PDB file of N, CA and C in Angstrom:
ATOM      1  N   UNK A   1      -4.191 -11.830 -14.393  1.00  0.00           N
ATOM      2  CA  UNK A   1      -4.334 -10.473 -13.882  1.00  0.00           C
ATOM      3  C   UNK A   1      -3.898 -10.476 -12.415  1.00  0.00           C
ATOM      4  N   UNK A   2      -3.061  -9.582 -12.068  1.00  0.00           N
ATOM      5  CA  UNK A   2      -2.474  -9.572 -10.729  1.00  0.00           C
ATOM      6  C   UNK A   2      -3.441  -9.018  -9.687  1.00  0.00           C
ATOM      7  N   UNK A   3      -3.263  -9.484  -8.467  1.00  0.00           N
ATOM      8  CA  UNK A   3      -4.042  -8.974  -7.343  1.00  0.00           C
ATOM      9  C   UNK A   3      -3.825  -7.463  -7.218  1.00  0.00           C
ATOM     10  N   UNK A   4      -2.614  -7.014  -7.496  1.00  0.00           N
ATOM     11  CA  UNK A   4      -2.311  -5.580  -7.407  1.00  0.00           C
ATOM     12  C   UNK A   4      -3.199  -4.770  -8.349  1.00  0.00           C
ATOM     13  N   UNK A   5      -3.400  -5.266  -9.558  1.00  0.00           N
ATOM     14  CA  UNK A   5      -4.236  -4.559 -10.534  1.00  0.00           C
ATOM     15  C   UNK A   5      -5.680  -4.461 -10.035  1.00  0.00           C
ATOM     16  N   UNK A   6      -6.205  -5.546  -9.518  1.00  0.00           N
ATOM     17  CA  UNK A   6      -7.574  -5.552  -8.989  1.00  0.00           C
ATOM     18  C   UNK A   6      -7.671  -4.603  -7.794  1.00  0.00           C
ATOM     19  N   UNK A   7      -6.645  -4.596  -6.964  1.00  0.00           N
ATOM     20  CA  UNK A   7      -6.632  -3.689  -5.815  1.00  0.00           C
ATOM     21  C   UNK A   7      -6.669  -2.235  -6.262  1.00  0.00           C
ATOM     22  N   UNK A   8      -5.928  -1.918  -7.313  1.00  0.00           N
ATOM     23  CA  UNK A   8      -5.925  -0.556  -7.854  1.00  0.00           C
ATOM     24  C   UNK A   8      -7.302  -0.196  -8.402  1.00  0.00           C
ATOM     25  N   UNK A   9      -7.937  -1.133  -9.113  1.00  0.00           N
ATOM     26  CA  UNK A   9      -9.292  -0.872  -9.618  1.00  0.00           C
ATOM     27  C   UNK A   9     -10.262  -0.589  -8.470  1.00  0.00           C
ATOM     28  N   UNK A  10     -10.170  -1.390  -7.406  1.00  0.00           N
ATOM     29  CA  UNK A  10     -11.056  -1.194  -6.255  1.00  0.00           C
ATOM     30  C   UNK A  10     -10.784   0.155  -5.593  1.00  0.00           C
ATOM     31  N   UNK A  11      -9.529   0.511  -5.462  1.00  0.00           N
ATOM     32  CA  UNK A  11      -9.181   1.798  -4.870  1.00  0.00           C
ATOM     33  C   UNK A  11      -9.675   2.950  -5.738  1.00  0.00           C
ATOM     34  N   UNK A  12      -9.536   2.821  -7.044  1.00  0.00           N
ATOM     35  CA  UNK A  12     -10.058   3.846  -7.955  1.00  0.00           C
ATOM     36  C   UNK A  12     -11.576   3.969  -7.831  1.00  0.00           C
ATOM     37  N   UNK A  13     -12.232   2.846  -7.625  1.00  0.00           N
ATOM     38  CA  UNK A  13     -13.691   2.840  -7.536  1.00  0.00           C
ATOM     39  C   UNK A  13     -14.177   3.593  -6.292  1.00  0.00           C
ATOM     40  N   UNK A  14     -13.591   3.290  -5.136  1.00  0.00           N
ATOM     41  CA  UNK A  14     -14.080   3.861  -3.884  1.00  0.00           C
ATOM     42  C   UNK A  14     -13.266   5.043  -3.373  1.00  0.00           C
ATOM     43  N   UNK A  15     -12.064   5.218  -3.891  1.00  0.00           N
ATOM     44  CA  UNK A  15     -11.197   6.327  -3.487  1.00  0.00           C
ATOM     45  C   UNK A  15     -10.935   6.345  -1.983  1.00  0.00           C
ATOM     46  N   UNK A  16     -10.999   5.175  -1.365  1.00  0.00           N
ATOM     47  CA  UNK A  16     -10.738   5.035   0.067  1.00  0.00           C
ATOM     48  C   UNK A  16     -10.135   3.651   0.275  1.00  0.00           C
ATOM     49  N   UNK A  17      -8.910   3.619   0.767  1.00  0.00           N
ATOM     50  CA  UNK A  17      -8.191   2.355   0.913  1.00  0.00           C
ATOM     51  C   UNK A  17      -8.938   1.361   1.792  1.00  0.00           C
ATOM     52  N   UNK A  18      -9.459   1.825   2.913  1.00  0.00           N
ATOM     53  CA  UNK A  18     -10.145   0.922   3.838  1.00  0.00           C
ATOM     54  C   UNK A  18     -11.409   0.325   3.224  1.00  0.00           C
ATOM     55  N   UNK A  19     -12.149   1.133   2.491  1.00  0.00           N
ATOM     56  CA  UNK A  19     -13.367   0.648   1.835  1.00  0.00           C
ATOM     57  C   UNK A  19     -13.009  -0.356   0.745  1.00  0.00           C
ATOM     58  N   UNK A  20     -11.978  -0.063  -0.028  1.00  0.00           N
ATOM     59  CA  UNK A  20     -11.547  -0.974  -1.095  1.00  0.00           C
ATOM     60  C   UNK A  20     -11.100  -2.314  -0.517  1.00  0.00           C
ATOM     61  N   UNK A  21     -10.319  -2.267   0.548  1.00  0.00           N
ATOM     62  CA  UNK A  21      -9.847  -3.502   1.186  1.00  0.00           C
ATOM     63  C   UNK A  21     -11.026  -4.301   1.733  1.00  0.00           C
ATOM     64  N   UNK A  22     -11.968  -3.619   2.356  1.00  0.00           N
ATOM     65  CA  UNK A  22     -13.146  -4.306   2.893  1.00  0.00           C
ATOM     66  C   UNK A  22     -13.938  -4.968   1.776  1.00  0.00           C
ATOM     67  N   UNK A  23     -14.123  -4.274   0.650  1.00  0.00           N
ATOM     68  CA  UNK A  23     -14.868  -4.846  -0.477  1.00  0.00           C
ATOM     69  C   UNK A  23     -14.167  -6.100  -0.996  1.00  0.00           C
ATOM     70  N   UNK A  24     -12.862  -6.046  -1.093  1.00  0.00           N
ATOM     71  CA  UNK A  24     -12.100  -7.189  -1.603  1.00  0.00           C
ATOM     72  C   UNK A  24     -12.122  -8.386  -0.652  1.00  0.00           C
ATOM     73  N   UNK A  25     -12.330  -8.137   0.637  1.00  0.00           N
ATOM     74  CA  UNK A  25     -12.222  -9.193   1.643  1.00  0.00           C
ATOM     75  C   UNK A  25     -13.555  -9.810   2.064  1.00  0.00           C
ATOM     76  N   UNK A  26     -14.665  -9.280   1.565  1.00  0.00           N
ATOM     77  CA  UNK A  26     -15.983  -9.776   1.987  1.00  0.00           C
ATOM     78  C   UNK A  26     -16.676 -10.540   0.866  1.00  0.00           C
ATOM     79  N   UNK A  27     -17.492 -11.528   1.235  1.00  0.00           N
ATOM     80  CA  UNK A  27     -18.282 -12.221   0.209  1.00  0.00           C
ATOM     81  C   UNK A  27     -19.107 -11.213  -0.588  1.00  0.00           C
ATOM     82  N   UNK A  28     -19.208 -11.463  -1.882  1.00  0.00           N
ATOM     83  CA  UNK A  28     -19.871 -10.517  -2.775  1.00  0.00           C
ATOM     84  C   UNK A  28     -20.993 -11.219  -3.523  1.00  0.00           C
ATOM     85  N   UNK A  29     -22.190 -10.665  -3.429  1.00  0.00           N
ATOM     86  CA  UNK A  29     -23.363 -11.265  -4.068  1.00  0.00           C
ATOM     87  C   UNK A  29     -23.189 -11.374  -5.582  1.00  0.00           C
ATOM     88  N   UNK A  30     -22.579 -10.377  -6.200  1.00  0.00           N
ATOM     89  CA  UNK A  30     -22.379 -10.392  -7.655  1.00  0.00           C
ATOM     90  C   UNK A  30     -21.387 -11.470  -8.090  1.00  0.00           C
ATOM     91  N   UNK A  31     -20.653 -12.010  -7.119  1.00  0.00           N
ATOM     92  CA  UNK A  31     -19.693 -13.084  -7.391  1.00  0.00           C
ATOM     93  C   UNK A  31     -20.163 -14.393  -6.758  1.00  0.00           C
ATOM     94  N   UNK A  32     -21.464 -14.557  -6.671  1.00  0.00           N
ATOM     95  CA  UNK A  32     -22.079 -15.759  -6.082  1.00  0.00           C
ATOM     96  C   UNK A  32     -21.603 -16.021  -4.658  1.00  0.00           C
ATOM     97  N   UNK A  33     -21.429 -14.945  -3.898  1.00  0.00           N
ATOM     98  CA  UNK A  33     -21.040 -15.076  -2.501  1.00  0.00           C
ATOM     99  C   UNK A  33     -19.570 -15.346  -2.268  1.00  0.00           C
ATOM    100  N   UNK A  34     -18.793 -15.333  -3.318  1.00  0.00           N
ATOM    101  CA  UNK A  34     -17.359 -15.584  -3.171  1.00  0.00           C
ATOM    102  C   UNK A  34     -16.632 -14.302  -2.766  1.00  0.00           C
ATOM    103  N   UNK A  35     -15.446 -14.461  -2.201  1.00  0.00           N
ATOM    104  CA  UNK A  35     -14.637 -13.336  -1.752  1.00  0.00           C
ATOM    105  C   UNK A  35     -13.739 -12.889  -2.903  1.00  0.00           C
ATOM    106  N   UNK A  36     -13.852 -11.625  -3.312  1.00  0.00           N
ATOM    107  CA  UNK A  36     -13.103 -11.152  -4.477  1.00  0.00           C
ATOM    108  C   UNK A  36     -11.604 -11.444  -4.430  1.00  0.00           C
ATOM    109  N   UNK A  37     -10.954 -11.182  -3.314  1.00  0.00           N
ATOM    110  CA  UNK A  37      -9.505 -11.378  -3.251  1.00  0.00           C
ATOM    111  C   UNK A  37      -9.137 -12.853  -3.399  1.00  0.00           C
ATOM    112  N   UNK A  38      -9.997 -13.741  -2.930  1.00  0.00           N
ATOM    113  CA  UNK A  38      -9.757 -15.180  -3.087  1.00  0.00           C
ATOM    114  C   UNK A  38      -9.899 -15.587  -4.549  1.00  0.00           C
ATOM    115  N   UNK A  39     -10.871 -15.007  -5.237  1.00  0.00           N
ATOM    116  CA  UNK A  39     -11.052 -15.306  -6.658  1.00  0.00           C
ATOM    117  C   UNK A  39      -9.842 -14.879  -7.481  1.00  0.00           C
ATOM    118  N   UNK A  40      -9.147 -13.859  -7.019  1.00  0.00           N
ATOM    119  CA  UNK A  40      -8.013 -13.319  -7.774  1.00  0.00           C
ATOM    120  C   UNK A  40      -6.805 -14.251  -7.802  1.00  0.00           C
ATOM    121  N   UNK A  41      -6.880 -15.357  -7.100  1.00  0.00           N
ATOM    122  CA  UNK A  41      -5.781 -16.329  -7.137  1.00  0.00           C
ATOM    123  C   UNK A  41      -5.690 -17.015  -8.494  1.00  0.00           C
ATOM    124  N   UNK A  42      -6.778 -16.996  -9.247  1.00  0.00           N
ATOM    125  CA  UNK A  42      -6.809 -17.592 -10.589  1.00  0.00           C
ATOM    126  C   UNK A  42      -7.141 -16.503 -11.604  1.00  0.00           C
ATOM    127  N   UNK A  43      -6.616 -16.643 -12.796  1.00  0.00           N
ATOM    128  CA  UNK A  43      -6.851 -15.663 -13.864  1.00  0.00           C
ATOM    129  C   UNK A  43      -8.342 -15.494 -14.146  1.00  0.00           C
ATOM    130  N   UNK A  44      -9.070 -16.598 -14.212  1.00  0.00           N
ATOM    131  CA  UNK A  44     -10.506 -16.502 -14.502  1.00  0.00           C
ATOM    132  C   UNK A  44     -11.248 -15.761 -13.393  1.00  0.00           C
ATOM    133  N   UNK A  45     -10.841 -15.971 -12.159  1.00  0.00           N
ATOM    134  CA  UNK A  45     -11.458 -15.263 -11.044  1.00  0.00           C
ATOM    135  C   UNK A  45     -11.149 -13.779 -11.066  1.00  0.00           C
ATOM    136  N   UNK A  46      -9.916 -13.446 -11.421  1.00  0.00           N
ATOM    137  CA  UNK A  46      -9.532 -12.034 -11.537  1.00  0.00           C
ATOM    138  C   UNK A  46     -10.384 -11.332 -12.577  1.00  0.00           C
ATOM    139  N   UNK A  47     -10.647 -12.027 -13.669  1.00  0.00           N
ATOM    140  CA  UNK A  47     -11.474 -11.433 -14.723  1.00  0.00           C
ATOM    141  C   UNK A  47     -12.904 -11.214 -14.232  1.00  0.00           C
ATOM    142  N   UNK A  48     -13.420 -12.148 -13.440  1.00  0.00           N
ATOM    143  CA  UNK A  48     -14.767 -11.985 -12.874  1.00  0.00           C
ATOM    144  C   UNK A  48     -14.826 -10.752 -11.979  1.00  0.00           C
ATOM    145  N   UNK A  49     -13.829 -10.613 -11.118  1.00  0.00           N
ATOM    146  CA  UNK A  49     -13.785  -9.478 -10.198  1.00  0.00           C
ATOM    147  C   UNK A  49     -13.652  -8.176 -10.985  1.00  0.00           C
ATOM    148  N   UNK A  50     -12.822  -8.181 -12.010  1.00  0.00           N
ATOM    149  CA  UNK A  50     -12.659  -6.996 -12.845  1.00  0.00           C
ATOM    150  C   UNK A  50     -13.989  -6.601 -13.488  1.00  0.00           C
ATOM    151  N   UNK A  51     -14.729  -7.578 -13.995  1.00  0.00           N
ATOM    152  CA  UNK A  51     -16.021  -7.289 -14.621  1.00  0.00           C
ATOM    153  C   UNK A  51     -16.988  -6.647 -13.626  1.00  0.00           C
ATOM    154  N   UNK A  52     -17.002  -7.149 -12.401  1.00  0.00           N
ATOM    155  CA  UNK A  52     -17.891  -6.580 -11.383  1.00  0.00           C
ATOM    156  C   UNK A  52     -17.479  -5.144 -11.064  1.00  0.00           C
ATOM    157  N   UNK A  53     -16.191  -4.916 -10.885  1.00  0.00           N
ATOM    158  CA  UNK A  53     -15.726  -3.560 -10.583  1.00  0.00           C
ATOM    159  C   UNK A  53     -16.052  -2.588 -11.713  1.00  0.00           C
ATOM    160  N   UNK A  54     -15.839  -3.016 -12.939  1.00  0.00           N
ATOM    161  CA  UNK A  54     -16.134  -2.145 -14.077  1.00  0.00           C
ATOM    162  C   UNK A  54     -17.634  -1.896 -14.211  1.00  0.00           C
ATOM    163  N   UNK A  55     -18.434  -2.922 -13.927  1.00  0.00           N
ATOM    164  CA  UNK A  55     -19.886  -2.746 -13.972  1.00  0.00           C
ATOM    165  C   UNK A  55     -20.340  -1.765 -12.894  1.00  0.00           C
ATOM    166  N   UNK A  56     -19.772  -1.874 -11.710  1.00  0.00           N
ATOM    167  CA  UNK A  56     -20.111  -0.935 -10.640  1.00  0.00           C
ATOM    168  C   UNK A  56     -19.720   0.489 -11.017  1.00  0.00           C
ATOM    169  N   UNK A  57     -18.564   0.616 -11.639  1.00  0.00           N
ATOM    170  CA  UNK A  57     -18.097   1.939 -12.057  1.00  0.00           C
ATOM    171  C   UNK A  57     -19.061   2.582 -13.050  1.00  0.00           C
ATOM    172  N   UNK A  58     -19.642   1.751 -13.908  1.00  0.00           N
ATOM    173  CA  UNK A  58     -20.553   2.258 -14.940  1.00  0.00           C
ATOM    174  C   UNK A  58     -22.014   2.189 -14.514  1.00  0.00           C
ATOM    175  N   UNK A  59     -22.260   1.821 -13.252  1.00  0.00           N
ATOM    176  CA  UNK A  59     -23.612   1.890 -12.719  1.00  0.00           C
ATOM    177  C   UNK A  59     -24.475   0.669 -12.942  1.00  0.00           C
ATOM    178  N   UNK A  60     -23.883  -0.481 -13.214  1.00  0.00           N
ATOM    179  CA  UNK A  60     -24.669  -1.692 -13.426  1.00  0.00           C
ATOM    180  C   UNK A  60     -24.072  -2.869 -12.696  1.00  0.00           C
ATOM    181  N   UNK A  61     -24.701  -4.011 -12.841  1.00  0.00           N
ATOM    182  CA  UNK A  61     -24.185  -5.247 -12.257  1.00  0.00           C
ATOM    183  C   UNK A  61     -23.607  -6.105 -13.352  1.00  0.00           C
ATOM    184  N   UNK A  62     -22.614  -6.890 -13.002  1.00  0.00           N
ATOM    185  CA  UNK A  62     -21.964  -7.767 -13.985  1.00  0.00           C
ATOM    186  C   UNK A  62     -22.843  -8.945 -14.318  1.00  0.00           C
TER     187      UNK A  62
END
């Protein structure tokens, strides 16, 4: 899964480019403190980030 796809999901979630970029660049508790954009370097990490974004969209945690 490409970084671009995850970026689009984040932008869709927050509807603000700066907020989406900040979320992608900061350690995330739902990802065990890892940085979402760094996780996206591997397919498995991209899937983890996608799950968190989709869970947030639907009002839950991954």
